[in-house]
Amino acid sequence: KSAAIALLPDEGLSALHAALVEQARGIVPDLEVEAWPHVTLAYLPDVAGREEALGEQVRDLMAGAGGAAITGGSVVAFPIGDRGVPIVLELEGIGAQALHRLARGSASAAGVKVDQRHPSFRPHLTIGYSPAELTAGQAEALAALDVPELDSRLSVAVVQSGDVEVAR
């Protein structure tokens, strides 16, 4: 079963998500909103049987990270997937990249492979999904969204598989 290592939102990130949803709906009216706002640090193609070890590693990850600071970046669309076209806020800053590297290391230490299909992966906040490919105009309008300032220190990580939390 596939999963992701994700950070749970704090008040600031939840407010940012709501503001971006409101703006994005003006560009993509049929946007399917991400019901569980979170920051994705790494995709894991198969965690079956490794959930407990992965949970231990993720707890160690967050204990060592001390709530690394993350900042908002650009709104982009990822390639179409099972749920449509993901519209995300890519996160920037040393903290976001450090957490991504630590998440990959945690997965490796737990004997879980990290998804290699996206070599340019960046930590991100999923805003929602478009059921259809975006037009060039929609993509440009999303990239030009006014992203409210974010300076957040997220400190709770989970391993999520679909709608089920498998480790914290």
N, C-alpha and C. Protein backbone atom coordinates (compact mmCIF):
# COMPACT_ATOMS: atom_id res chain seq x y z
N LYS A 1 0.84 -1.18 0.00
CA LYS A 1 0.00 0.00 0.00
C LYS A 1 0.88 1.24 0.00
N SER A 2 0.47 2.24 -0.77
CA SER A 2 1.25 3.47 -0.87
C SER A 2 0.87 4.42 0.26
N ALA A 3 1.74 5.39 0.52
CA ALA A 3 1.50 6.34 1.61
C ALA A 3 2.34 7.59 1.35
N ALA A 4 2.20 8.54 2.25
CA ALA A 4 2.99 9.77 2.20
C ALA A 4 3.38 10.15 3.62
N ILE A 5 4.56 10.75 3.76
CA ILE A 5 4.93 11.36 5.02
C ILE A 5 4.49 12.82 4.92
N ALA A 6 3.67 13.24 5.87
CA ALA A 6 3.07 14.57 5.79
C ALA A 6 3.13 15.26 7.15
N LEU A 7 3.07 16.59 7.10
CA LEU A 7 3.00 17.40 8.31
C LEU A 7 1.58 17.89 8.49
N LEU A 8 1.09 17.81 9.73
CA LEU A 8 -0.24 18.31 10.03
C LEU A 8 -0.19 19.84 10.10
N PRO A 9 -1.28 20.49 9.68
CA PRO A 9 -1.26 21.95 9.65
C PRO A 9 -1.40 22.58 11.03
N ASP A 10 -0.80 23.75 11.16
CA ASP A 10 -1.06 24.58 12.33
C ASP A 10 -2.10 25.62 11.90
N GLU A 11 -2.42 26.55 12.78
CA GLU A 11 -3.44 27.56 12.47
C GLU A 11 -3.06 28.39 11.25
N GLY A 12 -1.81 28.77 11.15
CA GLY A 12 -1.36 29.60 10.03
C GLY A 12 -1.48 28.88 8.70
N LEU A 13 -1.10 27.61 8.67
CA LEU A 13 -1.18 26.84 7.42
C LEU A 13 -2.63 26.59 7.04
N SER A 14 -3.49 26.33 8.00
CA SER A 14 -4.91 26.13 7.72
C SER A 14 -5.53 27.39 7.11
N ALA A 15 -5.17 28.56 7.66
CA ALA A 15 -5.68 29.82 7.13
C ALA A 15 -5.15 30.08 5.72
N LEU A 16 -3.88 29.75 5.49
CA LEU A 16 -3.30 29.90 4.17
C LEU A 16 -4.02 29.01 3.16
N HIS A 17 -4.28 27.77 3.56
CA HIS A 17 -4.99 26.83 2.67
C HIS A 17 -6.36 27.39 2.29
N ALA A 18 -7.10 27.88 3.28
CA ALA A 18 -8.44 28.43 3.02
C ALA A 18 -8.36 29.62 2.06
N ALA A 19 -7.38 30.50 2.26
CA ALA A 19 -7.24 31.67 1.39
C ALA A 19 -6.90 31.26 -0.05
N LEU A 20 -6.04 30.26 -0.19
CA LEU A 20 -5.65 29.81 -1.53
C LEU A 20 -6.81 29.08 -2.22
N VAL A 21 -7.60 28.33 -1.46
CA VAL A 21 -8.78 27.66 -2.04
C VAL A 21 -9.72 28.71 -2.61
N GLU A 22 -9.97 29.76 -1.85
CA GLU A 22 -10.88 30.81 -2.29
C GLU A 22 -10.38 31.45 -3.59
N GLN A 23 -9.09 31.75 -3.66
CA GLN A 23 -8.52 32.34 -4.88
C GLN A 23 -8.55 31.36 -6.05
N ALA A 24 -8.19 30.11 -5.80
CA ALA A 24 -8.11 29.11 -6.87
C ALA A 24 -9.49 28.81 -7.46
N ARG A 25 -10.52 28.86 -6.64
CA ARG A 25 -11.88 28.60 -7.16
C ARG A 25 -12.30 29.66 -8.16
N GLY A 26 -11.73 30.85 -8.09
CA GLY A 26 -12.01 31.87 -9.09
C GLY A 26 -11.40 31.54 -10.44
N ILE A 27 -10.43 30.64 -10.45
CA ILE A 27 -9.73 30.25 -11.68
C ILE A 27 -10.19 28.87 -12.15
N VAL A 28 -10.40 27.97 -11.20
CA VAL A 28 -10.84 26.60 -11.48
C VAL A 28 -12.15 26.39 -10.71
N PRO A 29 -13.30 26.78 -11.30
CA PRO A 29 -14.57 26.75 -10.57
C PRO A 29 -14.96 25.37 -10.04
N ASP A 30 -14.57 24.30 -10.73
CA ASP A 30 -14.94 22.95 -10.28
C ASP A 30 -13.83 22.29 -9.47
N LEU A 31 -13.03 23.11 -8.79
CA LEU A 31 -11.94 22.63 -7.95
C LEU A 31 -12.48 21.70 -6.86
N GLU A 32 -11.89 20.52 -6.75
CA GLU A 32 -12.20 19.61 -5.64
C GLU A 32 -11.19 19.92 -4.54
N VAL A 33 -11.66 20.45 -3.44
CA VAL A 33 -10.77 20.92 -2.37
C VAL A 33 -10.19 19.74 -1.60
N GLU A 34 -8.91 19.84 -1.27
CA GLU A 34 -8.26 18.84 -0.42
C GLU A 34 -8.90 18.94 0.95
N ALA A 35 -9.55 17.86 1.37
CA ALA A 35 -10.30 17.87 2.64
C ALA A 35 -9.38 17.85 3.86
N TRP A 36 -8.19 17.35 3.70
CA TRP A 36 -7.25 17.19 4.80
C TRP A 36 -5.99 17.99 4.47
N PRO A 37 -6.01 19.30 4.73
CA PRO A 37 -4.81 20.09 4.41
C PRO A 37 -3.59 19.57 5.15
N HIS A 38 -2.50 19.42 4.42
CA HIS A 38 -1.26 18.92 5.01
C HIS A 38 -0.11 19.27 4.07
N VAL A 39 1.08 19.17 4.59
CA VAL A 39 2.29 19.37 3.79
C VAL A 39 2.88 17.99 3.49
N THR A 40 2.98 17.67 2.22
CA THR A 40 3.55 16.39 1.81
C THR A 40 5.07 16.54 1.73
N LEU A 41 5.76 15.66 2.48
CA LEU A 41 7.23 15.69 2.49
C LEU A 41 7.83 14.62 1.59
N ALA A 42 7.14 13.48 1.45
CA ALA A 42 7.66 12.38 0.62
C ALA A 42 6.54 11.42 0.29
N TYR A 43 6.60 10.86 -0.92
CA TYR A 43 5.68 9.80 -1.33
C TYR A 43 6.38 8.45 -1.16
N LEU A 44 5.63 7.48 -0.67
CA LEU A 44 6.17 6.15 -0.43
C LEU A 44 5.31 5.14 -1.20
N PRO A 45 5.87 4.46 -2.21
CA PRO A 45 5.05 3.57 -3.03
C PRO A 45 4.55 2.33 -2.32
N ASP A 46 5.27 1.85 -1.29
CA ASP A 46 4.83 0.61 -0.61
C ASP A 46 5.32 0.59 0.83
N VAL A 47 4.38 0.72 1.77
CA VAL A 47 4.74 0.69 3.20
C VAL A 47 4.23 -0.57 3.90
N ALA A 48 3.62 -1.47 3.17
CA ALA A 48 3.02 -2.66 3.77
C ALA A 48 4.00 -3.38 4.68
N GLY A 49 3.58 -3.60 5.93
CA GLY A 49 4.37 -4.33 6.90
C GLY A 49 5.46 -3.49 7.58
N ARG A 50 5.64 -2.25 7.15
CA ARG A 50 6.69 -1.40 7.70
C ARG A 50 6.12 -0.21 8.47
N GLU A 51 4.80 -0.21 8.70
CA GLU A 51 4.15 0.95 9.32
C GLU A 51 4.72 1.28 10.70
N GLU A 52 4.93 0.27 11.53
CA GLU A 52 5.43 0.52 12.89
C GLU A 52 6.84 1.10 12.86
N ALA A 53 7.72 0.50 12.06
CA ALA A 53 9.09 1.01 11.95
C ALA A 53 9.10 2.42 11.38
N LEU A 54 8.22 2.66 10.41
CA LEU A 54 8.15 3.98 9.80
C LEU A 54 7.63 5.00 10.81
N GLY A 55 6.64 4.62 11.60
CA GLY A 55 6.13 5.51 12.64
C GLY A 55 7.21 5.91 13.62
N GLU A 56 8.05 4.95 14.02
CA GLU A 56 9.15 5.25 14.94
C GLU A 56 10.12 6.25 14.31
N GLN A 57 10.44 6.02 13.05
CA GLN A 57 11.38 6.91 12.35
C GLN A 57 10.80 8.31 12.20
N VAL A 58 9.50 8.40 11.91
CA VAL A 58 8.87 9.71 11.74
C VAL A 58 8.84 10.46 13.07
N ARG A 59 8.59 9.75 14.17
CA ARG A 59 8.64 10.40 15.49
C ARG A 59 10.04 10.94 15.77
N ASP A 60 11.06 10.14 15.44
CA ASP A 60 12.44 10.59 15.60
C ASP A 60 12.73 11.79 14.70
N LEU A 61 12.21 11.76 13.49
CA LEU A 61 12.39 12.86 12.55
C LEU A 61 11.92 14.17 13.17
N MET A 62 10.71 14.18 13.71
CA MET A 62 10.16 15.41 14.23
C MET A 62 10.83 15.83 15.53
N ALA A 63 11.28 14.87 16.32
CA ALA A 63 11.99 15.21 17.55
C ALA A 63 13.29 15.92 17.21
N GLY A 64 13.96 15.47 16.16
CA GLY A 64 15.22 16.08 15.75
C GLY A 64 15.06 17.36 14.96
N ALA A 65 13.91 17.52 14.29
CA ALA A 65 13.71 18.69 13.43
C ALA A 65 13.33 19.92 14.22
N GLY A 66 12.68 19.74 15.35
CA GLY A 66 12.30 20.87 16.19
C GLY A 66 11.39 21.87 15.53
N GLY A 67 10.54 21.43 14.63
CA GLY A 67 9.61 22.34 13.96
C GLY A 67 10.32 23.31 13.04
N ALA A 68 11.02 22.77 12.05
CA ALA A 68 11.76 23.61 11.09
C ALA A 68 10.82 24.59 10.42
N ALA A 69 11.29 25.80 10.19
CA ALA A 69 10.47 26.85 9.57
C ALA A 69 10.29 26.58 8.08
N ILE A 70 9.07 26.81 7.59
CA ILE A 70 8.80 26.70 6.16
C ILE A 70 8.16 28.00 5.69
N THR A 71 8.35 28.30 4.42
CA THR A 71 7.74 29.49 3.83
C THR A 71 7.03 29.09 2.55
N GLY A 72 6.03 29.89 2.17
CA GLY A 72 5.27 29.63 0.96
C GLY A 72 6.06 30.03 -0.28
N GLY A 73 5.73 29.37 -1.38
CA GLY A 73 6.39 29.66 -2.64
C GLY A 73 5.38 29.96 -3.73
N SER A 74 5.38 29.15 -4.78
CA SER A 74 4.52 29.36 -5.94
C SER A 74 3.43 28.32 -6.03
N VAL A 75 2.28 28.72 -6.60
CA VAL A 75 1.19 27.79 -6.86
C VAL A 75 1.42 27.21 -8.26
N VAL A 76 1.43 25.89 -8.34
CA VAL A 76 1.66 25.20 -9.61
C VAL A 76 0.69 24.03 -9.74
N ALA A 77 0.59 23.50 -10.94
CA ALA A 77 -0.20 22.29 -11.18
C ALA A 77 0.75 21.15 -11.49
N PHE A 78 0.51 20.02 -10.84
CA PHE A 78 1.28 18.82 -11.11
C PHE A 78 0.62 18.07 -12.28
N PRO A 79 1.31 17.09 -12.86
CA PRO A 79 0.69 16.29 -13.92
C PRO A 79 -0.56 15.56 -13.40
N ILE A 80 -1.50 15.34 -14.29
CA ILE A 80 -2.77 14.70 -13.93
C ILE A 80 -2.52 13.34 -13.30
N GLY A 81 -3.31 13.03 -12.26
CA GLY A 81 -3.20 11.76 -11.56
C GLY A 81 -4.57 11.14 -11.38
N ASP A 82 -4.68 10.22 -10.43
CA ASP A 82 -5.93 9.50 -10.18
C ASP A 82 -7.09 10.42 -9.81
N ARG A 83 -6.80 11.49 -9.10
CA ARG A 83 -7.87 12.40 -8.62
C ARG A 83 -8.03 13.63 -9.49
N GLY A 84 -7.27 13.72 -10.56
CA GLY A 84 -7.32 14.90 -11.43
C GLY A 84 -5.97 15.60 -11.43
N VAL A 85 -5.99 16.89 -11.69
CA VAL A 85 -4.77 17.68 -11.73
C VAL A 85 -4.55 18.31 -10.36
N PRO A 86 -3.50 17.88 -9.64
CA PRO A 86 -3.23 18.48 -8.33
C PRO A 86 -2.76 19.93 -8.48
N ILE A 87 -3.38 20.81 -7.71
CA ILE A 87 -2.96 22.21 -7.67
C ILE A 87 -2.36 22.41 -6.28
N VAL A 88 -1.09 22.80 -6.25
CA VAL A 88 -0.35 22.81 -5.00
C VAL A 88 0.42 24.12 -4.80
N LEU A 89 0.72 24.40 -3.56
CA LEU A 89 1.64 25.46 -3.20
C LEU A 89 2.96 24.79 -2.88
N GLU A 90 3.97 25.00 -3.74
CA GLU A 90 5.28 24.45 -3.44
C GLU A 90 5.89 25.28 -2.33
N LEU A 91 6.49 24.59 -1.37
CA LEU A 91 7.05 25.28 -0.21
C LEU A 91 8.54 25.50 -0.39
N GLU A 92 8.98 26.59 0.18
CA GLU A 92 10.38 26.99 0.01
C GLU A 92 11.04 27.12 1.37
N GLY A 93 12.28 27.46 1.31
CA GLY A 93 13.03 27.71 2.52
C GLY A 93 13.86 26.50 2.91
N ILE A 94 14.87 26.79 3.66
CA ILE A 94 15.79 25.74 4.11
C ILE A 94 15.04 24.69 4.92
N GLY A 95 14.08 25.12 5.74
CA GLY A 95 13.34 24.18 6.57
C GLY A 95 12.57 23.15 5.76
N ALA A 96 11.90 23.58 4.70
CA ALA A 96 11.11 22.66 3.87
C ALA A 96 12.02 21.61 3.22
N GLN A 97 13.12 22.06 2.67
CA GLN A 97 14.03 21.11 2.02
C GLN A 97 14.70 20.18 3.03
N ALA A 98 15.05 20.72 4.20
CA ALA A 98 15.65 19.88 5.25
C ALA A 98 14.66 18.81 5.70
N LEU A 99 13.39 19.18 5.88
CA LEU A 99 12.38 18.20 6.29
C LEU A 99 12.18 17.14 5.21
N HIS A 100 12.23 17.54 3.95
CA HIS A 100 12.12 16.59 2.84
C HIS A 100 13.26 15.57 2.90
N ARG A 101 14.47 16.05 3.08
CA ARG A 101 15.63 15.14 3.18
C ARG A 101 15.51 14.22 4.39
N LEU A 102 15.07 14.78 5.53
CA LEU A 102 14.91 13.97 6.74
C LEU A 102 13.81 12.92 6.56
N ALA A 103 12.73 13.29 5.87
CA ALA A 103 11.64 12.33 5.63
C ALA A 103 12.14 11.18 4.76
N ARG A 104 12.91 11.50 3.73
CA ARG A 104 13.47 10.45 2.87
C ARG A 104 14.39 9.53 3.68
N GLY A 105 15.20 10.13 4.56
CA GLY A 105 16.09 9.34 5.40
C GLY A 105 15.33 8.48 6.39
N SER A 106 14.23 9.00 6.93
CA SER A 106 13.39 8.23 7.85
C SER A 106 12.80 7.02 7.16
N ALA A 107 12.32 7.22 5.94
CA ALA A 107 11.74 6.10 5.18
C ALA A 107 12.81 5.05 4.92
N SER A 108 13.97 5.49 4.49
CA SER A 108 15.06 4.56 4.20
C SER A 108 15.46 3.78 5.44
N ALA A 109 15.55 4.46 6.59
CA ALA A 109 15.92 3.79 7.83
C ALA A 109 14.87 2.76 8.26
N ALA A 110 13.62 2.97 7.84
CA ALA A 110 12.55 2.03 8.17
C ALA A 110 12.42 0.92 7.12
N GLY A 111 13.31 0.94 6.12
CA GLY A 111 13.26 -0.08 5.07
C GLY A 111 12.18 0.17 4.03
N VAL A 112 11.79 1.44 3.86
CA VAL A 112 10.74 1.80 2.90
C VAL A 112 11.37 2.65 1.80
N LYS A 113 11.06 2.30 0.55
CA LYS A 113 11.57 3.07 -0.58
C LYS A 113 10.73 4.32 -0.80
N VAL A 114 11.40 5.38 -1.21
CA VAL A 114 10.74 6.64 -1.54
C VAL A 114 10.46 6.63 -3.03
N ASP A 115 9.31 7.17 -3.42
CA ASP A 115 8.92 7.24 -4.83
C ASP A 115 9.96 8.03 -5.61
N GLN A 116 10.51 7.43 -6.65
CA GLN A 116 11.54 8.07 -7.48
C GLN A 116 10.97 8.63 -8.79
N ARG A 117 9.64 8.52 -8.98
CA ARG A 117 9.05 8.96 -10.25
C ARG A 117 9.07 10.48 -10.40
N HIS A 118 9.27 11.20 -9.32
CA HIS A 118 9.26 12.66 -9.37
C HIS A 118 10.58 13.20 -8.84
N PRO A 119 11.65 13.14 -9.67
CA PRO A 119 12.97 13.56 -9.17
C PRO A 119 13.03 15.03 -8.75
N SER A 120 12.13 15.85 -9.27
CA SER A 120 12.15 17.26 -8.90
C SER A 120 11.14 17.57 -7.79
N PHE A 121 10.72 16.53 -7.05
CA PHE A 121 9.74 16.68 -5.99
C PHE A 121 10.15 17.79 -5.03
N ARG A 122 9.16 18.61 -4.64
CA ARG A 122 9.36 19.62 -3.60
C ARG A 122 8.23 19.46 -2.59
N PRO A 123 8.52 19.69 -1.32
CA PRO A 123 7.44 19.67 -0.33
C PRO A 123 6.35 20.64 -0.75
N HIS A 124 5.09 20.25 -0.51
CA HIS A 124 4.00 21.09 -0.98
C HIS A 124 2.74 20.93 -0.14
N LEU A 125 1.88 21.93 -0.26
CA LEU A 125 0.56 21.95 0.34
C LEU A 125 -0.43 21.79 -0.81
N THR A 126 -1.19 20.70 -0.81
CA THR A 126 -2.17 20.50 -1.87
C THR A 126 -3.38 21.38 -1.59
N ILE A 127 -3.72 22.21 -2.56
CA ILE A 127 -4.87 23.10 -2.46
C ILE A 127 -6.12 22.34 -2.87
N GLY A 128 -6.03 21.62 -3.97
CA GLY A 128 -7.17 20.85 -4.47
C GLY A 128 -6.84 20.21 -5.80
N TYR A 129 -7.87 19.71 -6.47
CA TYR A 129 -7.70 18.99 -7.73
C TYR A 129 -8.67 19.52 -8.78
N SER A 130 -8.15 19.72 -9.97
CA SER A 130 -9.01 20.06 -11.10
C SER A 130 -9.38 18.75 -11.80
N PRO A 131 -10.67 18.54 -12.10
CA PRO A 131 -11.05 17.28 -12.76
C PRO A 131 -10.54 17.20 -14.20
N ALA A 132 -10.13 18.32 -14.79
CA ALA A 132 -9.66 18.33 -16.18
C ALA A 132 -8.32 19.06 -16.27
N GLU A 133 -7.61 18.79 -17.36
CA GLU A 133 -6.35 19.51 -17.59
C GLU A 133 -6.62 21.01 -17.56
N LEU A 134 -5.66 21.76 -17.09
CA LEU A 134 -5.80 23.21 -17.05
C LEU A 134 -5.46 23.82 -18.41
N THR A 135 -6.09 24.93 -18.71
CA THR A 135 -5.70 25.68 -19.89
C THR A 135 -4.43 26.44 -19.54
N ALA A 136 -3.74 26.94 -20.57
CA ALA A 136 -2.54 27.74 -20.33
C ALA A 136 -2.89 28.98 -19.50
N GLY A 137 -4.05 29.57 -19.77
CA GLY A 137 -4.48 30.74 -19.03
C GLY A 137 -4.73 30.44 -17.56
N GLN A 138 -5.34 29.28 -17.28
CA GLN A 138 -5.57 28.90 -15.89
C GLN A 138 -4.25 28.69 -15.16
N ALA A 139 -3.31 27.99 -15.81
CA ALA A 139 -2.01 27.73 -15.19
C ALA A 139 -1.28 29.05 -14.89
N GLU A 140 -1.34 29.99 -15.82
CA GLU A 140 -0.70 31.29 -15.62
C GLU A 140 -1.37 32.06 -14.47
N ALA A 141 -2.71 32.00 -14.42
CA ALA A 141 -3.43 32.70 -13.37
C ALA A 141 -3.12 32.10 -11.99
N LEU A 142 -3.01 30.78 -11.92
CA LEU A 142 -2.65 30.14 -10.65
C LEU A 142 -1.26 30.56 -10.21
N ALA A 143 -0.32 30.58 -11.15
CA ALA A 143 1.06 30.96 -10.82
C ALA A 143 1.14 32.40 -10.33
N ALA A 144 0.17 33.23 -10.75
CA ALA A 144 0.18 34.64 -10.37
C ALA A 144 -0.63 34.91 -9.10
N LEU A 145 -1.16 33.87 -8.46
CA LEU A 145 -1.96 34.08 -7.25
C LEU A 145 -1.14 34.81 -6.19
N ASP A 146 -1.84 35.61 -5.42
CA ASP A 146 -1.23 36.32 -4.31
C ASP A 146 -1.15 35.36 -3.13
N VAL A 147 0.03 34.84 -2.89
CA VAL A 147 0.21 33.88 -1.80
C VAL A 147 0.47 34.65 -0.51
N PRO A 148 -0.45 34.56 0.45
CA PRO A 148 -0.22 35.25 1.73
C PRO A 148 1.06 34.74 2.38
N GLU A 149 1.69 35.60 3.13
CA GLU A 149 2.94 35.23 3.78
C GLU A 149 2.73 34.06 4.73
N LEU A 150 3.66 33.16 4.73
CA LEU A 150 3.63 32.01 5.62
C LEU A 150 4.97 31.89 6.28
N ASP A 151 4.96 31.81 7.56
CA ASP A 151 6.17 31.51 8.33
C ASP A 151 5.68 30.56 9.41
N SER A 152 5.79 29.29 9.13
CA SER A 152 5.19 28.30 10.01
C SER A 152 6.23 27.33 10.52
N ARG A 153 5.99 26.81 11.69
CA ARG A 153 6.84 25.76 12.27
C ARG A 153 5.94 24.58 12.59
N LEU A 154 5.86 23.66 11.65
CA LEU A 154 5.00 22.50 11.82
C LEU A 154 5.77 21.44 12.59
N SER A 155 5.08 20.81 13.54
CA SER A 155 5.82 19.90 14.42
C SER A 155 5.21 18.52 14.56
N VAL A 156 4.10 18.23 13.87
CA VAL A 156 3.49 16.90 13.96
C VAL A 156 3.49 16.26 12.58
N ALA A 157 4.18 15.13 12.46
CA ALA A 157 4.24 14.40 11.18
C ALA A 157 3.45 13.11 11.30
N VAL A 158 2.86 12.71 10.18
CA VAL A 158 2.10 11.47 10.12
C VAL A 158 2.46 10.73 8.84
N VAL A 159 2.14 9.44 8.84
CA VAL A 159 2.21 8.66 7.61
C VAL A 159 0.77 8.39 7.24
N GLN A 160 0.38 8.85 6.06
CA GLN A 160 -1.01 8.78 5.62
C GLN A 160 -1.11 7.90 4.39
N SER A 161 -2.07 6.97 4.39
CA SER A 161 -2.36 6.12 3.25
C SER A 161 -3.81 6.33 2.88
N GLY A 162 -4.04 7.04 1.75
CA GLY A 162 -5.41 7.41 1.41
C GLY A 162 -5.96 8.32 2.49
N ASP A 163 -7.10 7.97 3.05
CA ASP A 163 -7.69 8.76 4.13
C ASP A 163 -7.37 8.20 5.50
N VAL A 164 -6.43 7.26 5.58
CA VAL A 164 -6.14 6.58 6.84
C VAL A 164 -4.74 6.94 7.33
N GLU A 165 -4.68 7.37 8.59
CA GLU A 165 -3.39 7.65 9.21
C GLU A 165 -2.83 6.31 9.69
N VAL A 166 -1.66 5.93 9.18
CA VAL A 166 -1.09 4.63 9.55
C VAL A 166 0.01 4.74 10.59
N ALA A 167 0.54 5.93 10.81
CA ALA A 167 1.56 6.13 11.84
C ALA A 167 1.66 7.61 12.17
N ARG A 168 2.06 7.91 13.40
CA ARG A 168 2.25 9.31 13.82
C ARG A 168 3.46 9.37 14.72
